[in-house]
Amino acid sequence: MKSVRPKKALGQHFLKDLSIAKAIADTVDRFPEYPVLEVGPGMGVLTQFLVPKQRELKVVEIDDESVRYLRDHFPELEDDIIADDFLKMHLDRVFDGRSFVLIGNYPYNISSQIFFKMLDNRDRIPGCTGMIQREVAQRLAAGPGSKTYGILSVLVQAWYDVDYLFTVDEHVFNPPPKVKSAVVSIRRNDVAELGCDEALFKQVVKTTFNQRRKTLRNGIKPIVGADCPLLADPLFDKRPEQLSVSEFVQLTNNVHAYLNSKPKCQTE
């Protein structure tokens, strides 16, 4: 088998530039103490630079054609090639419960889902590096006040520090994507507990950003109702993109206290 045919349904865009591939692979050197799990290796353009690092390495690939290619070209990884869907895997079983670092040229169509799975396994994933669509990278790294600051920004930055490393042009891929790409490095921060109800935090963030053009006063009504006395607070004059992670935590605590008070408002 000489090559693998890129499959649009899997969001595959194979990187051709080996210097960029090496630069991406080298981002795992930021986390030298952990084993590495590569997501979506395809034909192994990153894998070929990860293997010589003498790190404990496993790769997970959903495409049967790519799995066959990897087994033919990386016999040293025979027992470490996982033919599976990363999004459905039980990550506690990959390295026998040990922490590990994620890396990949992540498929554009599931990149956000990959980061949400990372969040669900944040105590096991101290770091994540790799290449994604530039727009997603900008959202990950954006701060309050930015037009790209949104749900993914807040939920990831609550638990991780994000570095936007460099941009990658379209022409270095086969087939070329319609957008630019970017390489990021994401490192677990020191936050052990958010200091609020985490499920409600997610609900508040998602509900308000789903109506990001509205003020918080209007965006939060699906949760607290239209007559909630909290809405008199000047904070609710702001829009969600103006709030930092810590301010969302405080907002969540205020909402939680209200929802558990008596009498409760009727939601619309």
C-alpha atoms as a PDB file:
ATOM      1  CA  MET A   1       0.000   0.000   0.000  1.00  0.00           C
ATOM      2  CA  LYS A   2       1.628   3.213  -1.198  1.00  0.00           C
ATOM      3  CA  SER A   3      -0.719   5.794   0.253  1.00  0.00           C
ATOM      4  CA  VAL A   4      -4.083   6.393   1.874  1.00  0.00           C
ATOM      5  CA  ARG A   5      -6.893   8.185   0.101  1.00  0.00           C
ATOM      6  CA  PRO A   6      -8.050  11.225   2.132  1.00  0.00           C
ATOM      7  CA  LYS A   7     -11.697  10.816   3.093  1.00  0.00           C
ATOM      8  CA  LYS A   8     -13.860  13.917   3.291  1.00  0.00           C
ATOM      9  CA  ALA A   9     -16.326  12.223   5.652  1.00  0.00           C
ATOM     10  CA  LEU A  10     -13.527  11.799   8.196  1.00  0.00           C
ATOM     11  CA  GLY A  11     -12.250  15.350   7.781  1.00  0.00           C
ATOM     12  CA  GLN A  12      -8.894  14.065   6.560  1.00  0.00           C
ATOM     13  CA  HIS A  13      -6.340  16.552   5.216  1.00  0.00           C
ATOM     14  CA  PHE A  14      -2.904  14.929   5.121  1.00  0.00           C
ATOM     15  CA  LEU A  15       0.035  17.177   5.938  1.00  0.00           C
ATOM     16  CA  LYS A  16       2.772  17.082   3.276  1.00  0.00           C
ATOM     17  CA  ASP A  17       5.382  19.474   4.687  1.00  0.00           C
ATOM     18  CA  LEU A  18       7.771  17.405   6.820  1.00  0.00           C
ATOM     19  CA  SER A  19       9.369  20.424   8.491  1.00  0.00           C
ATOM     20  CA  ILE A  20       5.965  21.466   9.814  1.00  0.00           C
ATOM     21  CA  ALA A  21       5.221  17.876  10.813  1.00  0.00           C
ATOM     22  CA  LYS A  22       8.422  17.747  12.846  1.00  0.00           C
ATOM     23  CA  ALA A  23       7.651  21.096  14.488  1.00  0.00           C
ATOM     24  CA  ILE A  24       4.238  19.788  15.527  1.00  0.00           C
ATOM     25  CA  ALA A  25       5.665  16.507  16.815  1.00  0.00           C
ATOM     26  CA  ASP A  26       8.234  18.441  18.838  1.00  0.00           C
ATOM     27  CA  THR A  27       5.465  20.183  20.795  1.00  0.00           C
ATOM     28  CA  VAL A  28       5.152  17.046  22.970  1.00  0.00           C
ATOM     29  CA  ASP A  29       8.624  17.908  24.316  1.00  0.00           C
ATOM     30  CA  ARG A  30       6.789  20.471  26.457  1.00  0.00           C
ATOM     31  CA  PHE A  31       5.490  17.479  28.459  1.00  0.00           C
ATOM     32  CA  PRO A  32       8.509  15.143  28.647  1.00  0.00           C
ATOM     33  CA  GLU A  33       7.341  13.116  31.644  1.00  0.00           C
ATOM     34  CA  TYR A  34       4.187  11.626  30.095  1.00  0.00           C
ATOM     35  CA  PRO A  35       3.381   8.942  27.519  1.00  0.00           C
ATOM     36  CA  VAL A  36       1.839  10.154  24.264  1.00  0.00           C
ATOM     37  CA  LEU A  37      -1.419   9.304  22.506  1.00  0.00           C
ATOM     38  CA  GLU A  38      -1.631  10.459  18.885  1.00  0.00           C
ATOM     39  CA  VAL A  39      -5.146  10.925  17.530  1.00  0.00           C
ATOM     40  CA  GLY A  40      -5.800  10.322  13.829  1.00  0.00           C
ATOM     41  CA  PRO A  41      -2.253   9.583  12.607  1.00  0.00           C
ATOM     42  CA  GLY A  42      -3.374   8.844   9.026  1.00  0.00           C
ATOM     43  CA  MET A  43      -0.201   7.880   7.165  1.00  0.00           C
ATOM     44  CA  GLY A  44       2.021   8.692  10.122  1.00  0.00           C
ATOM     45  CA  VAL A  45       3.410  12.068   9.098  1.00  0.00           C
ATOM     46  CA  LEU A  46       3.649  13.050  12.782  1.00  0.00           C
ATOM     47  CA  THR A  47       4.214   9.488  13.970  1.00  0.00           C
ATOM     48  CA  GLN A  48       7.523   9.228  12.102  1.00  0.00           C
ATOM     49  CA  PHE A  49       8.880  12.059  14.250  1.00  0.00           C
ATOM     50  CA  LEU A  50       7.312  10.821  17.485  1.00  0.00           C
ATOM     51  CA  VAL A  51       8.770   7.306  17.326  1.00  0.00           C
ATOM     52  CA  PRO A  52      12.461   8.424  17.586  1.00  0.00           C
ATOM     53  CA  LYS A  53      11.707  10.350  20.767  1.00  0.00           C
ATOM     54  CA  GLN A  54      11.774   7.078  22.701  1.00  0.00           C
ATOM     55  CA  ARG A  55       8.552   8.021  24.479  1.00  0.00           C
ATOM     56  CA  GLU A  56       5.843   5.536  25.283  1.00  0.00           C
ATOM     57  CA  LEU A  57       3.572   6.068  22.276  1.00  0.00           C
ATOM     58  CA  LYS A  58       0.203   4.809  21.145  1.00  0.00           C
ATOM     59  CA  VAL A  59      -1.836   5.932  18.146  1.00  0.00           C
ATOM     60  CA  VAL A  60      -5.600   5.699  17.647  1.00  0.00           C
ATOM     61  CA  GLU A  61      -7.084   5.659  14.157  1.00  0.00           C
ATOM     62  CA  ILE A  62     -10.688   5.120  13.043  1.00  0.00           C
ATOM     63  CA  ASP A  63      -9.946   4.646   9.314  1.00  0.00           C
ATOM     64  CA  ASP A  64      -9.316   0.991   8.407  1.00  0.00           C
ATOM     65  CA  GLU A  65      -7.194   1.932   5.394  1.00  0.00           C
ATOM     66  CA  SER A  66      -4.960   4.113   7.551  1.00  0.00           C
ATOM     67  CA  VAL A  67      -4.688   1.374  10.191  1.00  0.00           C
ATOM     68  CA  ARG A  68      -3.414  -1.065   7.566  1.00  0.00           C
ATOM     69  CA  TYR A  69      -0.937   1.514   6.310  1.00  0.00           C
ATOM     70  CA  LEU A  70       0.369   2.191   9.810  1.00  0.00           C
ATOM     71  CA  ARG A  71       0.803  -1.511  10.541  1.00  0.00           C
ATOM     72  CA  ASP A  72       2.759  -1.938   7.299  1.00  0.00           C
ATOM     73  CA  HIS A  73       4.995   1.090   7.817  1.00  0.00           C
ATOM     74  CA  PHE A  74       5.405   1.203  11.600  1.00  0.00           C
ATOM     75  CA  PRO A  75       5.901  -2.426  12.655  1.00  0.00           C
ATOM     76  CA  GLU A  76       7.485  -1.217  15.900  1.00  0.00           C
ATOM     77  CA  LEU A  77       4.042   0.097  16.884  1.00  0.00           C
ATOM     78  CA  GLU A  78       2.158  -3.077  16.060  1.00  0.00           C
ATOM     79  CA  ASP A  79       0.832  -3.516  19.606  1.00  0.00           C
ATOM     80  CA  ASP A  80       0.267   0.222  20.049  1.00  0.00           C
ATOM     81  CA  ILE A  81      -1.949   0.928  17.034  1.00  0.00           C
ATOM     82  CA  ILE A  82      -5.510   1.230  18.297  1.00  0.00           C
ATOM     83  CA  ALA A  83      -8.204   0.810  15.659  1.00  0.00           C
ATOM     84  CA  ASP A  84     -10.988   2.763  17.331  1.00  0.00           C
ATOM     85  CA  ASP A  85     -12.969   5.984  17.513  1.00  0.00           C
ATOM     86  CA  PHE A  86     -11.186   8.292  19.944  1.00  0.00           C
ATOM     87  CA  LEU A  87     -14.441   9.975  20.906  1.00  0.00           C
ATOM     88  CA  LYS A  88     -15.880   6.653  22.091  1.00  0.00           C
ATOM     89  CA  MET A  89     -12.803   5.305  23.875  1.00  0.00           C
ATOM     90  CA  HIS A  90     -12.475   4.777  27.620  1.00  0.00           C
ATOM     91  CA  LEU A  91      -9.313   6.792  28.127  1.00  0.00           C
ATOM     92  CA  ASP A  92      -8.636   5.349  31.576  1.00  0.00           C
ATOM     93  CA  ARG A  93      -7.679   2.098  29.837  1.00  0.00           C
ATOM     94  CA  VAL A  94      -5.201   3.461  27.284  1.00  0.00           C
ATOM     95  CA  PHE A  95      -2.159   3.670  29.557  1.00  0.00           C
ATOM     96  CA  ASP A  96      -3.529   1.592  32.445  1.00  0.00           C
ATOM     97  CA  GLY A  97      -4.936   4.637  34.202  1.00  0.00           C
ATOM     98  CA  ARG A  98      -1.799   6.767  33.911  1.00  0.00           C
ATOM     99  CA  SER A  99      -1.814  10.364  32.712  1.00  0.00           C
ATOM    100  CA  PHE A 100      -0.819  11.039  29.115  1.00  0.00           C
ATOM    101  CA  VAL A 101      -0.457  13.810  26.535  1.00  0.00           C
ATOM    102  CA  LEU A 102      -2.617  14.127  23.422  1.00  0.00           C
ATOM    103  CA  ILE A 103      -1.225  15.111  20.031  1.00  0.00           C
ATOM    104  CA  GLY A 104      -2.587  15.056  16.524  1.00  0.00           C
ATOM    105  CA  ASN A 105      -3.352  16.673  13.228  1.00  0.00           C
ATOM    106  CA  TYR A 106      -6.916  16.694  14.455  1.00  0.00           C
ATOM    107  CA  PRO A 107      -9.784  16.211  11.979  1.00  0.00           C
ATOM    108  CA  TYR A 108     -11.514  19.566  11.537  1.00  0.00           C
ATOM    109  CA  ASN A 109     -14.986  18.075  11.801  1.00  0.00           C
ATOM    110  CA  ILE A 110     -14.463  16.754  15.350  1.00  0.00           C
ATOM    111  CA  SER A 111     -11.811  19.043  16.830  1.00  0.00           C
ATOM    112  CA  SER A 112     -14.183  20.734  19.282  1.00  0.00           C
ATOM    113  CA  GLN A 113     -15.499  17.323  20.371  1.00  0.00           C
ATOM    114  CA  ILE A 114     -11.929  16.216  21.026  1.00  0.00           C
ATOM    115  CA  PHE A 115     -11.419  19.154  23.386  1.00  0.00           C
ATOM    116  CA  PHE A 116     -14.680  18.470  25.196  1.00  0.00           C
ATOM    117  CA  LYS A 117     -13.537  14.862  25.704  1.00  0.00           C
ATOM    118  CA  MET A 118     -10.223  16.218  26.983  1.00  0.00           C
ATOM    119  CA  LEU A 119     -12.169  18.290  29.512  1.00  0.00           C
ATOM    120  CA  ASP A 120     -14.118  15.234  30.639  1.00  0.00           C
ATOM    121  CA  ASN A 121     -10.767  13.521  31.255  1.00  0.00           C
ATOM    122  CA  ARG A 122      -8.827  16.531  32.519  1.00  0.00           C
ATOM    123  CA  ASP A 123      -7.412  14.686  35.536  1.00  0.00           C
ATOM    124  CA  ARG A 124      -5.812  12.223  33.125  1.00  0.00           C
ATOM    125  CA  ILE A 125      -4.702  14.640  30.383  1.00  0.00           C
ATOM    126  CA  PRO A 126      -2.215  17.259  31.645  1.00  0.00           C
ATOM    127  CA  GLY A 127      -1.433  18.462  28.148  1.00  0.00           C
ATOM    128  CA  CYS A 128      -2.662  18.498  24.573  1.00  0.00           C
ATOM    129  CA  THR A 129      -0.869  19.752  21.479  1.00  0.00           C
ATOM    130  CA  GLY A 130      -1.458  19.609  17.763  1.00  0.00           C
ATOM    131  CA  MET A 131      -2.965  21.199  14.705  1.00  0.00           C
ATOM    132  CA  ILE A 132      -6.545  22.335  14.259  1.00  0.00           C
ATOM    133  CA  GLN A 133      -8.529  24.770  12.153  1.00  0.00           C
ATOM    134  CA  ARG A 134      -7.225  28.277  12.818  1.00  0.00           C
ATOM    135  CA  GLU A 135     -10.681  29.535  13.751  1.00  0.00           C
ATOM    136  CA  VAL A 136     -10.936  26.907  16.491  1.00  0.00           C
ATOM    137  CA  ALA A 137      -7.415  27.702  17.710  1.00  0.00           C
ATOM    138  CA  GLN A 138      -8.331  31.373  17.935  1.00  0.00           C
ATOM    139  CA  ARG A 139     -11.438  30.525  19.954  1.00  0.00           C
ATOM    140  CA  LEU A 140      -9.406  28.356  22.315  1.00  0.00           C
ATOM    141  CA  ALA A 141      -6.881  31.106  22.986  1.00  0.00           C
ATOM    142  CA  ALA A 142      -9.198  34.138  22.936  1.00  0.00           C
ATOM    143  CA  GLY A 143      -9.671  36.292  26.007  1.00  0.00           C
ATOM    144  CA  PRO A 144     -12.687  38.260  27.255  1.00  0.00           C
ATOM    145  CA  GLY A 145     -13.730  41.051  24.923  1.00  0.00           C
ATOM    146  CA  SER A 146     -12.666  39.231  21.781  1.00  0.00           C
ATOM    147  CA  LYS A 147     -15.200  38.406  19.074  1.00  0.00           C
ATOM    148  CA  THR A 148     -13.814  34.845  18.994  1.00  0.00           C
ATOM    149  CA  TYR A 149     -14.198  34.363  22.761  1.00  0.00           C
ATOM    150  CA  GLY A 150     -16.986  31.865  23.364  1.00  0.00           C
ATOM    151  CA  ILE A 151     -18.137  28.601  24.902  1.00  0.00           C
ATOM    152  CA  LEU A 152     -14.993  26.645  24.006  1.00  0.00           C
ATOM    153  CA  SER A 153     -12.771  29.483  25.284  1.00  0.00           C
ATOM    154  CA  VAL A 154     -14.401  29.607  28.720  1.00  0.00           C
ATOM    155  CA  LEU A 155     -14.808  25.879  29.293  1.00  0.00           C
ATOM    156  CA  VAL A 156     -11.239  25.043  28.241  1.00  0.00           C
ATOM    157  CA  GLN A 157      -9.589  28.025  29.964  1.00  0.00           C
ATOM    158  CA  ALA A 158     -11.340  27.139  33.209  1.00  0.00           C
ATOM    159  CA  TRP A 159      -9.018  24.126  33.438  1.00  0.00           C
ATOM    160  CA  TYR A 160      -6.164  24.722  30.948  1.00  0.00           C
ATOM    161  CA  ASP A 161      -3.753  27.418  29.772  1.00  0.00           C
ATOM    162  CA  VAL A 162      -3.731  27.780  25.982  1.00  0.00           C
ATOM    163  CA  ASP A 163      -0.807  28.865  23.785  1.00  0.00           C
ATOM    164  CA  TYR A 164      -1.385  29.638  20.094  1.00  0.00           C
ATOM    165  CA  LEU A 165       1.969  28.576  18.627  1.00  0.00           C
ATOM    166  CA  PHE A 166       1.913  29.176  14.869  1.00  0.00           C
ATOM    167  CA  THR A 167      -0.283  29.321  11.770  1.00  0.00           C
ATOM    168  CA  VAL A 168      -0.125  26.774   8.930  1.00  0.00           C
ATOM    169  CA  ASP A 169      -1.105  27.639   5.342  1.00  0.00           C
ATOM    170  CA  GLU A 170      -3.504  25.591   3.234  1.00  0.00           C
ATOM    171  CA  HIS A 171      -1.065  24.525   0.494  1.00  0.00           C
ATOM    172  CA  VAL A 172       0.886  22.112   2.710  1.00  0.00           C
ATOM    173  CA  PHE A 173      -2.029  19.652   2.847  1.00  0.00           C
ATOM    174  CA  ASN A 174      -3.517  17.017   0.568  1.00  0.00           C
ATOM    175  CA  PRO A 175      -6.219  17.939  -0.202  1.00  0.00           C
ATOM    176  CA  PRO A 176      -5.802  21.628   0.722  1.00  0.00           C
ATOM    177  CA  PRO A 177      -8.478  22.707   3.214  1.00  0.00           C
ATOM    178  CA  LYS A 178     -10.471  25.867   2.551  1.00  0.00           C
ATOM    179  CA  VAL A 179      -9.152  27.462   5.728  1.00  0.00           C
ATOM    180  CA  LYS A 180      -5.836  28.009   7.459  1.00  0.00           C
ATOM    181  CA  SER A 181      -4.727  25.813  10.329  1.00  0.00           C
ATOM    182  CA  ALA A 182      -2.895  26.512  13.558  1.00  0.00           C
ATOM    183  CA  VAL A 183      -0.852  24.640  16.138  1.00  0.00           C
ATOM    184  CA  VAL A 184      -1.699  25.002  19.816  1.00  0.00           C
ATOM    185  CA  SER A 185      -0.321  23.813  23.118  1.00  0.00           C
ATOM    186  CA  ILE A 186      -2.733  23.331  26.000  1.00  0.00           C
ATOM    187  CA  ARG A 187      -1.474  22.769  29.550  1.00  0.00           C
ATOM    188  CA  ARG A 188      -3.498  21.848  32.624  1.00  0.00           C
ATOM    189  CA  ASN A 189      -3.582  24.720  35.100  1.00  0.00           C
ATOM    190  CA  ASP A 190      -3.572  24.545  38.893  1.00  0.00           C
ATOM    191  CA  VAL A 191      -7.339  24.682  39.315  1.00  0.00           C
ATOM    192  CA  ALA A 192      -8.549  21.651  41.268  1.00  0.00           C
ATOM    193  CA  GLU A 193     -12.102  22.881  41.881  1.00  0.00           C
ATOM    194  CA  LEU A 194     -13.985  25.616  40.028  1.00  0.00           C
ATOM    195  CA  GLY A 195     -15.641  26.806  43.203  1.00  0.00           C
ATOM    196  CA  CYS A 196     -19.121  26.400  41.777  1.00  0.00           C
ATOM    197  CA  ASP A 197     -21.553  23.770  40.545  1.00  0.00           C
ATOM    198  CA  GLU A 198     -19.758  22.536  37.417  1.00  0.00           C
ATOM    199  CA  ALA A 199     -22.882  21.313  35.615  1.00  0.00           C
ATOM    200  CA  LEU A 200     -24.602  24.644  36.201  1.00  0.00           C
ATOM    201  CA  PHE A 201     -21.436  26.479  35.124  1.00  0.00           C
ATOM    202  CA  LYS A 202     -21.572  24.694  31.767  1.00  0.00           C
ATOM    203  CA  GLN A 203     -25.266  25.452  31.452  1.00  0.00           C
ATOM    204  CA  VAL A 204     -24.770  29.143  32.216  1.00  0.00           C
ATOM    205  CA  VAL A 205     -21.879  29.460  29.753  1.00  0.00           C
ATOM    206  CA  LYS A 206     -23.646  27.611  26.945  1.00  0.00           C
ATOM    207  CA  THR A 207     -27.027  29.294  27.483  1.00  0.00           C
ATOM    208  CA  THR A 208     -25.649  32.835  27.523  1.00  0.00           C
ATOM    209  CA  PHE A 209     -23.284  32.353  24.569  1.00  0.00           C
ATOM    210  CA  ASN A 210     -26.039  30.758  22.511  1.00  0.00           C
ATOM    211  CA  GLN A 211     -27.530  34.263  22.599  1.00  0.00           C
ATOM    212  CA  ARG A 212     -24.239  36.135  22.584  1.00  0.00           C
ATOM    213  CA  ARG A 213     -25.677  39.238  20.929  1.00  0.00           C
ATOM    214  CA  LYS A 214     -28.024  39.709  23.866  1.00  0.00           C
ATOM    215  CA  THR A 215     -27.110  41.037  27.275  1.00  0.00           C
ATOM    216  CA  LEU A 216     -26.776  38.551  30.113  1.00  0.00           C
ATOM    217  CA  ARG A 217     -30.101  39.846  31.398  1.00  0.00           C
ATOM    218  CA  ASN A 218     -31.861  38.397  28.374  1.00  0.00           C
ATOM    219  CA  GLY A 219     -29.544  35.455  27.796  1.00  0.00           C
ATOM    220  CA  ILE A 220     -29.908  34.019  31.309  1.00  0.00           C
ATOM    221  CA  LYS A 221     -33.727  34.083  31.387  1.00  0.00           C
ATOM    222  CA  PRO A 222     -34.121  30.460  30.184  1.00  0.00           C
ATOM    223  CA  ILE A 223     -32.408  29.433  33.445  1.00  0.00           C
ATOM    224  CA  VAL A 224     -33.736  31.902  36.036  1.00  0.00           C
ATOM    225  CA  GLY A 225     -36.935  33.249  34.514  1.00  0.00           C
ATOM    226  CA  ALA A 226     -37.959  36.748  33.492  1.00  0.00           C
ATOM    227  CA  ASP A 227     -38.855  38.041  36.973  1.00  0.00           C
ATOM    228  CA  CYS A 228     -35.703  36.982  38.779  1.00  0.00           C
ATOM    229  CA  PRO A 229     -34.450  39.788  41.110  1.00  0.00           C
ATOM    230  CA  LEU A 230     -30.855  38.971  40.175  1.00  0.00           C
ATOM    231  CA  LEU A 231     -31.474  40.650  36.831  1.00  0.00           C
ATOM    232  CA  ALA A 232     -31.403  44.075  38.462  1.00  0.00           C
ATOM    233  CA  ASP A 233     -27.638  43.708  39.022  1.00  0.00           C
ATOM    234  CA  PRO A 234     -25.633  45.937  36.600  1.00  0.00           C
ATOM    235  CA  LEU A 235     -23.557  42.840  35.769  1.00  0.00           C
ATOM    236  CA  PHE A 236     -26.437  41.722  33.577  1.00  0.00           C
ATOM    237  CA  ASP A 237     -25.954  44.756  31.352  1.00  0.00           C
ATOM    238  CA  LYS A 238     -22.880  42.983  29.970  1.00  0.00           C
ATOM    239  CA  ARG A 239     -22.715  40.475  27.140  1.00  0.00           C
ATOM    240  CA  PRO A 240     -21.249  37.027  27.746  1.00  0.00           C
ATOM    241  CA  GLU A 241     -18.028  37.692  25.821  1.00  0.00           C
ATOM    242  CA  GLN A 242     -17.176  40.408  28.349  1.00  0.00           C
ATOM    243  CA  LEU A 243     -16.974  37.987  31.303  1.00  0.00           C
ATOM    244  CA  SER A 244     -13.791  36.247  32.426  1.00  0.00           C
ATOM    245  CA  VAL A 245     -13.801  32.647  33.649  1.00  0.00           C
ATOM    246  CA  SER A 246     -13.791  33.838  37.265  1.00  0.00           C
ATOM    247  CA  GLU A 247     -16.761  36.117  36.578  1.00  0.00           C
ATOM    248  CA  PHE A 248     -18.667  33.190  35.067  1.00  0.00           C
ATOM    249  CA  VAL A 249     -17.897  31.229  38.226  1.00  0.00           C
ATOM    250  CA  GLN A 250     -19.302  34.041  40.353  1.00  0.00           C
ATOM    251  CA  LEU A 251     -22.344  34.356  38.084  1.00  0.00           C
ATOM    252  CA  THR A 252     -22.925  30.615  38.435  1.00  0.00           C
ATOM    253  CA  ASN A 253     -22.767  30.852  42.205  1.00  0.00           C
ATOM    254  CA  ASN A 254     -25.281  33.701  42.190  1.00  0.00           C
ATOM    255  CA  VAL A 255     -27.623  31.736  39.944  1.00  0.00           C
ATOM    256  CA  HIS A 256     -27.185  28.611  42.065  1.00  0.00           C
ATOM    257  CA  ALA A 257     -28.008  30.499  45.256  1.00  0.00           C
ATOM    258  CA  TYR A 258     -31.082  31.998  43.658  1.00  0.00           C
ATOM    259  CA  LEU A 259     -32.360  28.702  42.237  1.00  0.00           C
ATOM    260  CA  ASN A 260     -32.067  27.146  45.682  1.00  0.00           C
ATOM    261  CA  SER A 261     -33.827  30.000  47.453  1.00  0.00           C
ATOM    262  CA  LYS A 262     -37.517  30.295  48.261  1.00  0.00           C
ATOM    263  CA  PRO A 263     -39.716  31.249  46.584  1.00  0.00           C
ATOM    264  CA  LYS A 264     -38.384  30.287  43.169  1.00  0.00           C
ATOM    265  CA  CYS A 265     -39.236  32.256  40.037  1.00  0.00           C
ATOM    266  CA  GLN A 266     -41.355  30.669  37.393  1.00  0.00           C
ATOM    267  CA  THR A 267     -39.424  30.190  34.156  1.00  0.00           C
ATOM    268  CA  GLU A 268     -40.911  31.348  30.946  1.00  0.00           C
END
